[in-house]
Amino acid sequence: ARTQRTMNTLYKREADIYLSFRLQLVCKFFVCGLLYSTAFPCLYMIGCVMFIAASWVDRWNFLRVWAPPPPTSDRIIALVARVLVPLTVLLHTYMALAFFRAIDIDRHTGWSVASILSCVAI
């Protein structure tokens, strides 16, 4: 190629994934990780590593490799922030109670201080 612009067009690929696809993938990891992290605390670390890696991969791909994706509105992010995150935190709290209650049932101790204060585990 003779010019930088020609080389850029040869190197650039069409974005075969969209921002909404990446958002739903990240939301799945967020919900599943937070939902079961009370029972498996290593999910906090796995989720953290996934979010850091996804951030760098997306930054590299969206800014350097792929053609600009189609424009999207901020309504998707607003919906995630207003609906999905609070609902996930509530489900996380419920699952914490359920997991600690299951431990108490196995030990035949009834409602213990650990199960009552399990919301602190979040």
Protein backbone atom coordinates (compact mmCIF):
# COMPACT_ATOMS: atom_id res chain seq x y z
CA ALA A 1 0.00 0.00 0.00
CA ARG A 2 1.23 3.44 -0.83
CA THR A 3 -0.50 5.53 1.82
CA GLN A 4 -1.37 5.16 5.47
CA ARG A 5 -5.06 5.49 4.68
CA THR A 6 -4.88 2.55 2.26
CA MET A 7 -3.05 0.45 4.84
CA ASN A 8 -5.67 1.32 7.46
CA THR A 9 -8.50 0.20 5.18
CA LEU A 10 -6.69 -3.06 4.43
CA TYR A 11 -6.07 -3.74 8.13
CA LYS A 12 -9.49 -2.67 9.39
CA ARG A 13 -12.14 -5.38 9.80
CA GLU A 14 -15.86 -4.94 9.98
CA ALA A 15 -17.18 -5.25 13.52
CA ASP A 16 -18.95 -8.59 13.51
CA ILE A 17 -20.07 -8.08 17.10
CA TYR A 18 -21.94 -5.13 18.49
CA LEU A 19 -21.68 -3.24 21.73
CA SER A 20 -25.00 -4.68 22.86
CA PHE A 21 -23.61 -8.21 22.42
CA ARG A 22 -20.57 -7.39 24.56
CA LEU A 23 -22.80 -5.71 27.13
CA GLN A 24 -25.04 -8.76 27.49
CA LEU A 25 -21.97 -10.98 27.82
CA VAL A 26 -20.55 -8.80 30.59
CA CYS A 27 -23.97 -8.64 32.29
CA LYS A 28 -24.16 -12.45 32.29
CA PHE A 29 -20.80 -12.67 34.04
CA PHE A 30 -21.85 -9.97 36.50
CA VAL A 31 -25.15 -11.63 37.40
CA CYS A 32 -23.84 -15.20 37.60
CA GLY A 33 -20.71 -14.17 39.45
CA LEU A 34 -22.53 -12.09 42.03
CA LEU A 35 -25.36 -14.60 42.40
CA TYR A 36 -23.14 -17.53 43.35
CA SER A 37 -20.19 -15.70 44.91
CA THR A 38 -21.46 -16.27 48.44
CA ALA A 39 -21.12 -20.02 48.00
CA PHE A 40 -17.94 -19.77 45.91
CA PRO A 41 -15.92 -16.73 47.03
CA CYS A 42 -13.32 -17.35 44.32
CA LEU A 43 -15.92 -16.01 41.85
CA TYR A 44 -15.12 -12.49 43.07
CA MET A 45 -11.55 -12.89 41.84
CA ILE A 46 -12.58 -14.67 38.64
CA GLY A 47 -15.08 -11.89 37.89
CA CYS A 48 -12.49 -9.22 38.59
CA VAL A 49 -9.98 -10.85 36.23
CA MET A 50 -12.69 -11.27 33.58
CA PHE A 51 -13.74 -7.61 33.78
CA ILE A 52 -10.16 -6.36 33.58
CA ALA A 53 -9.38 -8.65 30.63
CA ALA A 54 -12.64 -7.78 28.85
CA SER A 55 -11.94 -4.09 29.31
CA TRP A 56 -8.52 -4.33 27.68
CA VAL A 57 -9.69 -6.67 24.89
CA ASP A 58 -12.65 -4.44 24.05
CA ARG A 59 -10.53 -1.31 24.19
CA TRP A 60 -7.98 -2.83 21.81
CA ASN A 61 -10.54 -4.26 19.40
CA PHE A 62 -12.99 -1.35 19.29
CA LEU A 63 -10.30 1.32 19.00
CA ARG A 64 -7.66 -0.35 16.85
CA VAL A 65 -8.93 -3.36 14.94
CA TRP A 66 -12.61 -3.13 14.09
CA ALA A 67 -14.46 -0.54 12.10
CA PRO A 68 -16.60 1.71 14.26
CA PRO A 69 -19.71 -0.16 15.41
CA PRO A 70 -23.14 1.25 14.65
CA PRO A 71 -24.19 4.02 17.02
CA THR A 72 -26.15 3.00 20.09
CA SER A 73 -28.00 5.07 22.62
CA ASP A 74 -27.31 5.37 26.32
CA ARG A 75 -30.71 3.86 27.16
CA ILE A 76 -29.22 0.36 27.32
CA ILE A 77 -26.69 1.37 29.98
CA ALA A 78 -29.36 3.29 31.89
CA LEU A 79 -31.56 0.19 31.91
CA VAL A 80 -28.70 -1.95 33.20
CA ALA A 81 -27.82 0.57 35.91
CA ARG A 82 -31.41 1.15 37.05
CA VAL A 83 -32.86 -2.34 36.78
CA LEU A 84 -30.26 -5.08 36.44
CA VAL A 85 -27.74 -3.99 39.08
CA PRO A 86 -30.26 -3.47 41.94
CA LEU A 87 -32.06 -6.70 41.04
CA THR A 88 -28.76 -8.57 41.02
CA VAL A 89 -27.81 -7.19 44.43
CA LEU A 90 -31.19 -8.28 45.82
CA LEU A 91 -30.75 -11.75 44.33
CA HIS A 92 -27.23 -11.89 45.77
CA THR A 93 -28.63 -11.10 49.22
CA TYR A 94 -31.33 -13.74 48.85
CA MET A 95 -28.82 -16.35 47.71
CA ALA A 96 -26.56 -15.49 50.66
CA LEU A 97 -29.47 -16.14 53.02
CA ALA A 98 -30.31 -19.36 51.19
CA PHE A 99 -26.73 -20.67 51.27
CA PHE A 100 -26.20 -19.84 54.94
CA ARG A 101 -29.62 -21.25 55.82
CA ALA A 102 -28.67 -24.50 54.08
CA ILE A 103 -25.55 -24.68 56.26
CA ASP A 104 -27.69 -24.20 59.38
CA ILE A 105 -30.15 -26.89 58.28
CA ASP A 106 -27.28 -29.35 57.75
CA ARG A 107 -26.01 -28.61 61.25
CA HIS A 108 -29.53 -28.70 62.76
CA THR A 109 -28.96 -25.41 64.55
CA GLY A 110 -31.91 -23.43 63.22
CA TRP A 111 -31.43 -19.76 62.48
CA SER A 112 -28.01 -18.86 63.78
CA VAL A 113 -26.25 -15.54 64.01
CA ALA A 114 -24.34 -16.48 60.84
CA SER A 115 -27.51 -16.92 58.82
CA ILE A 116 -29.16 -13.79 60.19
CA LEU A 117 -26.09 -11.67 59.49
CA SER A 118 -25.35 -13.29 56.14
CA CYS A 119 -26.30 -10.08 54.37
CA VAL A 120 -23.03 -8.67 55.70
CA ALA A 121 -21.26 -11.22 53.49
CA ILE A 122 -22.13 -9.17 50.44
